[in-house]
Amino acid sequence: MTDRILVIGGDPSLRNELVSVFSEAGFTVDNVSDYPEALSKLDESKPDIVIMDEALPSKDSMEACYELYFSFGIPVVLLGEDASE
């Protein structure tokens, strides 16, 4: 079972809601507001999966997904409104 989640997103209310839901479900959850902060948190938190808001303030979200998956081997769930990608 995946037990450690890193939530990345610029919207504090979305981050707080995700942290609350996953924490109540028994997961250990860390959260950060932007991609550079996420990169510095990776070594410390060692997440099993990343849940990321599509609206990142500091980096293109698709680029961030590819980088996290291919460079660090971390599965990513991208949350967003645009289903075209």
PDB file of N, CA and C in Angstrom:
ATOM      1  N   MET A   1       0.834  -1.186   0.000  1.00  0.00           N
ATOM      2  CA  MET A   1       0.000   0.000   0.000  1.00  0.00           C
ATOM      3  C   MET A   1       0.875   1.245   0.000  1.00  0.00           C
ATOM      4  N   THR A   2       0.461   2.227  -0.765  1.00  0.00           N
ATOM      5  CA  THR A   2       1.144   3.509  -0.764  1.00  0.00           C
ATOM      6  C   THR A   2       0.796   4.214   0.532  1.00  0.00           C
ATOM      7  N   ASP A   3       1.813   4.608   1.272  1.00  0.00           N
ATOM      8  CA  ASP A   3       1.493   5.227   2.553  1.00  0.00           C
ATOM      9  C   ASP A   3       2.020   6.639   2.715  1.00  0.00           C
ATOM     10  N   ARG A   4       2.823   7.123   1.775  1.00  0.00           N
ATOM     11  CA  ARG A   4       3.362   8.477   1.892  1.00  0.00           C
ATOM     12  C   ARG A   4       3.037   9.241   0.612  1.00  0.00           C
ATOM     13  N   ILE A   5       2.354  10.378   0.777  1.00  0.00           N
ATOM     14  CA  ILE A   5       1.895  11.177  -0.357  1.00  0.00           C
ATOM     15  C   ILE A   5       2.458  12.585  -0.241  1.00  0.00           C
ATOM     16  N   LEU A   6       2.893  13.134  -1.379  1.00  0.00           N
ATOM     17  CA  LEU A   6       3.287  14.540  -1.446  1.00  0.00           C
ATOM     18  C   LEU A   6       2.264  15.255  -2.314  1.00  0.00           C
ATOM     19  N   VAL A   7       1.621  16.262  -1.751  1.00  0.00           N
ATOM     20  CA  VAL A   7       0.644  17.066  -2.475  1.00  0.00           C
ATOM     21  C   VAL A   7       1.318  18.378  -2.870  1.00  0.00           C
ATOM     22  N   ILE A   8       1.247  18.702  -4.179  1.00  0.00           N
ATOM     23  CA  ILE A   8       1.828  19.940  -4.690  1.00  0.00           C
ATOM     24  C   ILE A   8       0.714  20.769  -5.309  1.00  0.00           C
ATOM     25  N   GLY A   9       0.580  22.001  -4.872  1.00  0.00           N
ATOM     26  CA  GLY A   9      -0.440  22.849  -5.483  1.00  0.00           C
ATOM     27  C   GLY A   9      -0.413  24.264  -4.969  1.00  0.00           C
ATOM     28  N   GLY A  10      -0.777  25.175  -5.843  1.00  0.00           N
ATOM     29  CA  GLY A  10      -0.776  26.574  -5.477  1.00  0.00           C
ATOM     30  C   GLY A  10      -2.013  27.014  -4.717  1.00  0.00           C
ATOM     31  N   ASP A  11      -3.089  26.255  -4.809  1.00  0.00           N
ATOM     32  CA  ASP A  11      -4.346  26.614  -4.144  1.00  0.00           C
ATOM     33  C   ASP A  11      -4.358  26.029  -2.732  1.00  0.00           C
ATOM     34  N   PRO A  12      -4.212  26.873  -1.712  1.00  0.00           N
ATOM     35  CA  PRO A  12      -4.136  26.374  -0.332  1.00  0.00           C
ATOM     36  C   PRO A  12      -5.380  25.595   0.106  1.00  0.00           C
ATOM     37  N   SER A  13      -6.552  26.001  -0.347  1.00  0.00           N
ATOM     38  CA  SER A  13      -7.767  25.283   0.072  1.00  0.00           C
ATOM     39  C   SER A  13      -7.805  23.882  -0.520  1.00  0.00           C
ATOM     40  N   LEU A  14      -7.376  23.717  -1.771  1.00  0.00           N
ATOM     41  CA  LEU A  14      -7.313  22.387  -2.366  1.00  0.00           C
ATOM     42  C   LEU A  14      -6.286  21.529  -1.647  1.00  0.00           C
ATOM     43  N   ARG A  15      -5.107  22.093  -1.385  1.00  0.00           N
ATOM     44  CA  ARG A  15      -4.072  21.341  -0.662  1.00  0.00           C
ATOM     45  C   ARG A  15      -4.576  20.895   0.700  1.00  0.00           C
ATOM     46  N   ASN A  16      -5.186  21.801   1.437  1.00  0.00           N
ATOM     47  CA  ASN A  16      -5.689  21.462   2.774  1.00  0.00           C
ATOM     48  C   ASN A  16      -6.751  20.376   2.720  1.00  0.00           C
ATOM     49  N   GLU A  17      -7.620  20.444   1.736  1.00  0.00           N
ATOM     50  CA  GLU A  17      -8.666  19.421   1.582  1.00  0.00           C
ATOM     51  C   GLU A  17      -8.049  18.056   1.275  1.00  0.00           C
ATOM     52  N   LEU A  18      -7.084  18.026   0.366  1.00  0.00           N
ATOM     53  CA  LEU A  18      -6.422  16.763   0.034  1.00  0.00           C
ATOM     54  C   LEU A  18      -5.672  16.199   1.232  1.00  0.00           C
ATOM     55  N   VAL A  19      -4.954  17.047   1.940  1.00  0.00           N
ATOM     56  CA  VAL A  19      -4.234  16.592   3.129  1.00  0.00           C
ATOM     57  C   VAL A  19      -5.209  16.012   4.144  1.00  0.00           C
ATOM     58  N   SER A  20      -6.301  16.681   4.363  1.00  0.00           N
ATOM     59  CA  SER A  20      -7.300  16.223   5.325  1.00  0.00           C
ATOM     60  C   SER A  20      -7.878  14.861   4.937  1.00  0.00           C
ATOM     61  N   VAL A  21      -8.290  14.733   3.691  1.00  0.00           N
ATOM     62  CA  VAL A  21      -8.906  13.480   3.224  1.00  0.00           C
ATOM     63  C   VAL A  21      -7.925  12.322   3.311  1.00  0.00           C
ATOM     64  N   PHE A  22      -6.707  12.517   2.817  1.00  0.00           N
ATOM     65  CA  PHE A  22      -5.740  11.425   2.823  1.00  0.00           C
ATOM     66  C   PHE A  22      -5.231  11.106   4.225  1.00  0.00           C
ATOM     67  N   SER A  23      -5.091  12.110   5.061  1.00  0.00           N
ATOM     68  CA  SER A  23      -4.682  11.867   6.451  1.00  0.00           C
ATOM     69  C   SER A  23      -5.740  11.051   7.191  1.00  0.00           C
ATOM     70  N   GLU A  24      -6.994  11.412   6.999  1.00  0.00           N
ATOM     71  CA  GLU A  24      -8.078  10.664   7.635  1.00  0.00           C
ATOM     72  C   GLU A  24      -8.132   9.217   7.152  1.00  0.00           C
ATOM     73  N   ALA A  25      -7.667   8.981   5.943  1.00  0.00           N
ATOM     74  CA  ALA A  25      -7.638   7.628   5.389  1.00  0.00           C
ATOM     75  C   ALA A  25      -6.414   6.849   5.845  1.00  0.00           C
ATOM     76  N   GLY A  26      -5.538   7.481   6.634  1.00  0.00           N
ATOM     77  CA  GLY A  26      -4.397   6.775   7.195  1.00  0.00           C
ATOM     78  C   GLY A  26      -3.070   6.983   6.492  1.00  0.00           C
ATOM     79  N   PHE A  27      -3.030   7.853   5.508  1.00  0.00           N
ATOM     80  CA  PHE A  27      -1.790   8.130   4.793  1.00  0.00           C
ATOM     81  C   PHE A  27      -0.983   9.205   5.514  1.00  0.00           C
ATOM     82  N   THR A  28       0.332   9.180   5.312  1.00  0.00           N
ATOM     83  CA  THR A  28       1.194  10.256   5.764  1.00  0.00           C
ATOM     84  C   THR A  28       1.287  11.234   4.605  1.00  0.00           C
ATOM     85  N   VAL A  29       0.935  12.497   4.844  1.00  0.00           N
ATOM     86  CA  VAL A  29       0.838  13.465   3.759  1.00  0.00           C
ATOM     87  C   VAL A  29       1.684  14.693   4.061  1.00  0.00           C
ATOM     88  N   ASP A  30       2.518  15.061   3.081  1.00  0.00           N
ATOM     89  CA  ASP A  30       3.245  16.321   3.120  1.00  0.00           C
ATOM     90  C   ASP A  30       2.677  17.184   2.005  1.00  0.00           C
ATOM     91  N   ASN A  31       2.751  18.489   2.166  1.00  0.00           N
ATOM     92  CA  ASN A  31       2.268  19.351   1.096  1.00  0.00           C
ATOM     93  C   ASN A  31       3.152  20.567   0.939  1.00  0.00           C
ATOM     94  N   VAL A  32       3.265  20.996  -0.313  1.00  0.00           N
ATOM     95  CA  VAL A  32       4.058  22.167  -0.659  1.00  0.00           C
ATOM     96  C   VAL A  32       3.277  22.990  -1.684  1.00  0.00           C
ATOM     97  N   SER A  33       3.633  24.262  -1.797  1.00  0.00           N
ATOM     98  CA  SER A  33       2.866  25.147  -2.669  1.00  0.00           C
ATOM     99  C   SER A  33       3.399  25.254  -4.094  1.00  0.00           C
ATOM    100  N   ASP A  34       4.666  24.883  -4.323  1.00  0.00           N
ATOM    101  CA  ASP A  34       5.196  25.008  -5.681  1.00  0.00           C
ATOM    102  C   ASP A  34       6.244  23.932  -5.974  1.00  0.00           C
ATOM    103  N   TYR A  35       6.640  23.882  -7.235  1.00  0.00           N
ATOM    104  CA  TYR A  35       7.536  22.821  -7.683  1.00  0.00           C
ATOM    105  C   TYR A  35       8.937  22.898  -7.081  1.00  0.00           C
ATOM    106  N   PRO A  36       9.581  24.070  -7.025  1.00  0.00           N
ATOM    107  CA  PRO A  36      10.907  24.110  -6.398  1.00  0.00           C
ATOM    108  C   PRO A  36      10.888  23.614  -4.949  1.00  0.00           C
ATOM    109  N   GLU A  37       9.847  23.965  -4.228  1.00  0.00           N
ATOM    110  CA  GLU A  37       9.702  23.489  -2.851  1.00  0.00           C
ATOM    111  C   GLU A  37       9.528  21.968  -2.825  1.00  0.00           C
ATOM    112  N   ALA A  38       8.812  21.446  -3.813  1.00  0.00           N
ATOM    113  CA  ALA A  38       8.610  19.994  -3.901  1.00  0.00           C
ATOM    114  C   ALA A  38       9.931  19.272  -4.118  1.00  0.00           C
ATOM    115  N   LEU A  39      10.771  19.820  -4.988  1.00  0.00           N
ATOM    116  CA  LEU A  39      12.061  19.188  -5.252  1.00  0.00           C
ATOM    117  C   LEU A  39      12.914  19.114  -3.994  1.00  0.00           C
ATOM    118  N   SER A  40      12.888  20.160  -3.198  1.00  0.00           N
ATOM    119  CA  SER A  40      13.679  20.132  -1.966  1.00  0.00           C
ATOM    120  C   SER A  40      13.050  19.213  -0.919  1.00  0.00           C
ATOM    121  N   LYS A  41      11.765  18.952  -1.018  1.00  0.00           N
ATOM    122  CA  LYS A  41      11.058  18.098  -0.058  1.00  0.00           C
ATOM    123  C   LYS A  41      11.180  16.606  -0.405  1.00  0.00           C
ATOM    124  N   LEU A  42      11.537  16.283  -1.641  1.00  0.00           N
ATOM    125  CA  LEU A  42      11.585  14.885  -2.079  1.00  0.00           C
ATOM    126  C   LEU A  42      12.504  14.019  -1.233  1.00  0.00           C
ATOM    127  N   ASP A  43      13.713  14.492  -0.966  1.00  0.00           N
ATOM    128  CA  ASP A  43      14.654  13.698  -0.179  1.00  0.00           C
ATOM    129  C   ASP A  43      14.159  13.489   1.241  1.00  0.00           C
ATOM    130  N   GLU A  44      13.551  14.513   1.794  1.00  0.00           N
ATOM    131  CA  GLU A  44      13.068  14.439   3.171  1.00  0.00           C
ATOM    132  C   GLU A  44      11.835  13.541   3.302  1.00  0.00           C
ATOM    133  N   SER A  45      10.881  13.712   2.416  1.00  0.00           N
ATOM    134  CA  SER A  45       9.607  12.999   2.590  1.00  0.00           C
ATOM    135  C   SER A  45       9.568  11.634   1.904  1.00  0.00           C
ATOM    136  N   LYS A  46      10.373  11.447   0.858  1.00  0.00           N
ATOM    137  CA  LYS A  46      10.414  10.189   0.109  1.00  0.00           C
ATOM    138  C   LYS A  46       9.000   9.654  -0.176  1.00  0.00           C
ATOM    139  N   PRO A  47       8.220  10.427  -0.960  1.00  0.00           N
ATOM    140  CA  PRO A  47       6.835  10.019  -1.211  1.00  0.00           C
ATOM    141  C   PRO A  47       6.745   8.796  -2.119  1.00  0.00           C
ATOM    142  N   ASP A  48       5.675   8.034  -1.926  1.00  0.00           N
ATOM    143  CA  ASP A  48       5.383   6.899  -2.802  1.00  0.00           C
ATOM    144  C   ASP A  48       4.622   7.355  -4.036  1.00  0.00           C
ATOM    145  N   ILE A  49       3.928   8.491  -3.909  1.00  0.00           N
ATOM    146  CA  ILE A  49       3.153   9.047  -5.008  1.00  0.00           C
ATOM    147  C   ILE A  49       3.022  10.551  -4.791  1.00  0.00           C
ATOM    148  N   VAL A  50       2.893  11.279  -5.892  1.00  0.00           N
ATOM    149  CA  VAL A  50       2.683  12.725  -5.844  1.00  0.00           C
ATOM    150  C   VAL A  50       1.304  13.013  -6.421  1.00  0.00           C
ATOM    151  N   ILE A  51       0.566  13.875  -5.741  1.00  0.00           N
ATOM    152  CA  ILE A  51      -0.693  14.376  -6.263  1.00  0.00           C
ATOM    153  C   ILE A  51      -0.487  15.859  -6.483  1.00  0.00           C
ATOM    154  N   MET A  52      -0.649  16.277  -7.739  1.00  0.00           N
ATOM    155  CA  MET A  52      -0.264  17.636  -8.097  1.00  0.00           C
ATOM    156  C   MET A  52      -1.401  18.355  -8.802  1.00  0.00           C
ATOM    157  N   ASP A  53      -1.617  19.597  -8.408  1.00  0.00           N
ATOM    158  CA  ASP A  53      -2.588  20.474  -9.056  1.00  0.00           C
ATOM    159  C   ASP A  53      -2.019  20.915 -10.392  1.00  0.00           C
ATOM    160  N   GLU A  54      -2.864  20.948 -11.398  1.00  0.00           N
ATOM    161  CA  GLU A  54      -2.416  21.348 -12.730  1.00  0.00           C
ATOM    162  C   GLU A  54      -1.965  22.809 -12.767  1.00  0.00           C
ATOM    163  N   ALA A  55      -2.494  23.631 -11.894  1.00  0.00           N
ATOM    164  CA  ALA A  55      -2.172  25.065 -11.887  1.00  0.00           C
ATOM    165  C   ALA A  55      -1.013  25.357 -10.942  1.00  0.00           C
ATOM    166  N   LEU A  56       0.184  24.984 -11.366  1.00  0.00           N
ATOM    167  CA  LEU A  56       1.372  25.272 -10.570  1.00  0.00           C
ATOM    168  C   LEU A  56       1.840  26.695 -10.842  1.00  0.00           C
ATOM    169  N   PRO A  57       2.223  27.410  -9.789  1.00  0.00           N
ATOM    170  CA  PRO A  57       2.661  28.785 -10.005  1.00  0.00           C
ATOM    171  C   PRO A  57       4.058  28.909 -10.609  1.00  0.00           C
ATOM    172  N   SER A  58       4.870  27.871 -10.529  1.00  0.00           N
ATOM    173  CA  SER A  58       6.275  28.040 -10.883  1.00  0.00           C
ATOM    174  C   SER A  58       6.783  27.163 -12.034  1.00  0.00           C
ATOM    175  N   LYS A  59       5.952  26.252 -12.549  1.00  0.00           N
ATOM    176  CA  LYS A  59       6.422  25.355 -13.606  1.00  0.00           C
ATOM    177  C   LYS A  59       5.232  24.783 -14.351  1.00  0.00           C
ATOM    178  N   ASP A  60       5.436  24.473 -15.613  1.00  0.00           N
ATOM    179  CA  ASP A  60       4.405  23.806 -16.392  1.00  0.00           C
ATOM    180  C   ASP A  60       4.116  22.443 -15.758  1.00  0.00           C
ATOM    181  N   SER A  61       2.859  22.157 -15.499  1.00  0.00           N
ATOM    182  CA  SER A  61       2.504  20.952 -14.758  1.00  0.00           C
ATOM    183  C   SER A  61       2.837  19.659 -15.515  1.00  0.00           C
ATOM    184  N   MET A  62       2.669  19.647 -16.824  1.00  0.00           N
ATOM    185  CA  MET A  62       3.003  18.443 -17.588  1.00  0.00           C
ATOM    186  C   MET A  62       4.509  18.189 -17.554  1.00  0.00           C
ATOM    187  N   GLU A  63       5.273  19.234 -17.668  1.00  0.00           N
ATOM    188  CA  GLU A  63       6.728  19.128 -17.580  1.00  0.00           C
ATOM    189  C   GLU A  63       7.133  18.596 -16.199  1.00  0.00           C
ATOM    190  N   ALA A  64       6.490  19.094 -15.161  1.00  0.00           N
ATOM    191  CA  ALA A  64       6.777  18.636 -13.798  1.00  0.00           C
ATOM    192  C   ALA A  64       6.419  17.158 -13.637  1.00  0.00           C
ATOM    193  N   CYS A  65       5.298  16.728 -14.202  1.00  0.00           N
ATOM    194  CA  CYS A  65       4.904  15.310 -14.133  1.00  0.00           C
ATOM    195  C   CYS A  65       5.971  14.414 -14.757  1.00  0.00           C
ATOM    196  N   TYR A  66       6.385  14.769 -15.973  1.00  0.00           N
ATOM    197  CA  TYR A  66       7.397  13.973 -16.653  1.00  0.00           C
ATOM    198  C   TYR A  66       8.698  13.933 -15.858  1.00  0.00           C
ATOM    199  N   GLU A  67       9.097  15.066 -15.334  1.00  0.00           N
ATOM    200  CA  GLU A  67      10.346  15.120 -14.573  1.00  0.00           C
ATOM    201  C   GLU A  67      10.270  14.257 -13.315  1.00  0.00           C
ATOM    202  N   LEU A  68       9.177  14.372 -12.578  1.00  0.00           N
ATOM    203  CA  LEU A  68       9.032  13.568 -11.355  1.00  0.00           C
ATOM    204  C   LEU A  68       9.024  12.076 -11.670  1.00  0.00           C
ATOM    205  N   TYR A  69       8.319  11.705 -12.728  1.00  0.00           N
ATOM    206  CA  TYR A  69       8.215  10.291 -13.049  1.00  0.00           C
ATOM    207  C   TYR A  69       9.515   9.736 -13.639  1.00  0.00           C
ATOM    208  N   PHE A  70      10.050  10.402 -14.642  1.00  0.00           N
ATOM    209  CA  PHE A  70      11.211   9.852 -15.340  1.00  0.00           C
ATOM    210  C   PHE A  70      12.534  10.096 -14.607  1.00  0.00           C
ATOM    211  N   SER A  71      12.665  11.179 -13.882  1.00  0.00           N
ATOM    212  CA  SER A  71      13.920  11.448 -13.171  1.00  0.00           C
ATOM    213  C   SER A  71      13.960  10.827 -11.783  1.00  0.00           C
ATOM    214  N   PHE A  72      12.788  10.758 -11.132  1.00  0.00           N
ATOM    215  CA  PHE A  72      12.757  10.278  -9.756  1.00  0.00           C
ATOM    216  C   PHE A  72      11.985   8.977  -9.579  1.00  0.00           C
ATOM    217  N   GLY A  73      11.296   8.519 -10.621  1.00  0.00           N
ATOM    218  CA  GLY A  73      10.546   7.273 -10.543  1.00  0.00           C
ATOM    219  C   GLY A  73       9.311   7.339  -9.658  1.00  0.00           C
ATOM    220  N   ILE A  74       8.771   8.534  -9.484  1.00  0.00           N
ATOM    221  CA  ILE A  74       7.613   8.706  -8.610  1.00  0.00           C
ATOM    222  C   ILE A  74       6.354   8.827  -9.467  1.00  0.00           C
ATOM    223  N   PRO A  75       5.357   7.974  -9.219  1.00  0.00           N
ATOM    224  CA  PRO A  75       4.084   8.118  -9.945  1.00  0.00           C
ATOM    225  C   PRO A  75       3.416   9.440  -9.569  1.00  0.00           C
ATOM    226  N   VAL A  76       2.742  10.048 -10.546  1.00  0.00           N
ATOM    227  CA  VAL A  76       2.113  11.347 -10.349  1.00  0.00           C
ATOM    228  C   VAL A  76       0.650  11.289 -10.789  1.00  0.00           C
ATOM    229  N   VAL A  77      -0.223  11.822  -9.959  1.00  0.00           N
ATOM    230  CA  VAL A  77      -1.612  12.040 -10.330  1.00  0.00           C
ATOM    231  C   VAL A  77      -1.754  13.543 -10.510  1.00  0.00           C
ATOM    232  N   LEU A  78      -2.174  13.941 -11.714  1.00  0.00           N
ATOM    233  CA  LEU A  78      -2.329  15.354 -12.029  1.00  0.00           C
ATOM    234  C   LEU A  78      -3.804  15.711 -11.972  1.00  0.00           C
ATOM    235  N   LEU A  79      -4.137  16.658 -11.101  1.00  0.00           N
ATOM    236  CA  LEU A  79      -5.518  17.110 -10.952  1.00  0.00           C
ATOM    237  C   LEU A  79      -5.710  18.375 -11.785  1.00  0.00           C
ATOM    238  N   GLY A  80      -6.770  18.396 -12.571  1.00  0.00           N
ATOM    239  CA  GLY A  80      -7.032  19.584 -13.358  1.00  0.00           C
ATOM    240  C   GLY A  80      -8.376  19.529 -14.035  1.00  0.00           C
ATOM    241  N   GLU A  81      -8.702  20.607 -14.688  1.00  0.00           N
ATOM    242  CA  GLU A  81      -9.985  20.726 -15.351  1.00  0.00           C
ATOM    243  C   GLU A  81      -9.903  20.392 -16.830  1.00  0.00           C
ATOM    244  N   ASP A  82      -8.730  20.429 -17.423  1.00  0.00           N
ATOM    245  CA  ASP A  82      -8.578  20.214 -18.855  1.00  0.00           C
ATOM    246  C   ASP A  82      -8.283  18.736 -19.129  1.00  0.00           C
ATOM    247  N   ALA A  83      -9.207  18.063 -19.767  1.00  0.00           N
ATOM    248  CA  ALA A  83      -9.040  16.632 -20.041  1.00  0.00           C
ATOM    249  C   ALA A  83      -8.325  16.365 -21.356  1.00  0.00           C
ATOM    250  N   SER A  84      -7.869  17.396 -22.052  1.00  0.00           N
ATOM    251  CA  SER A  84      -7.251  17.200 -23.349  1.00  0.00           C
ATOM    252  C   SER A  84      -5.868  16.573 -23.281  1.00  0.00           C
ATOM    253  N   GLU A  85      -5.170  16.696 -22.134  1.00  0.00           N
ATOM    254  CA  GLU A  85      -3.817  16.137 -22.045  1.00  0.00           C
ATOM    255  C   GLU A  85      -3.862  14.892 -21.204  1.00  0.00           C
TER     256      GLU A  85
END
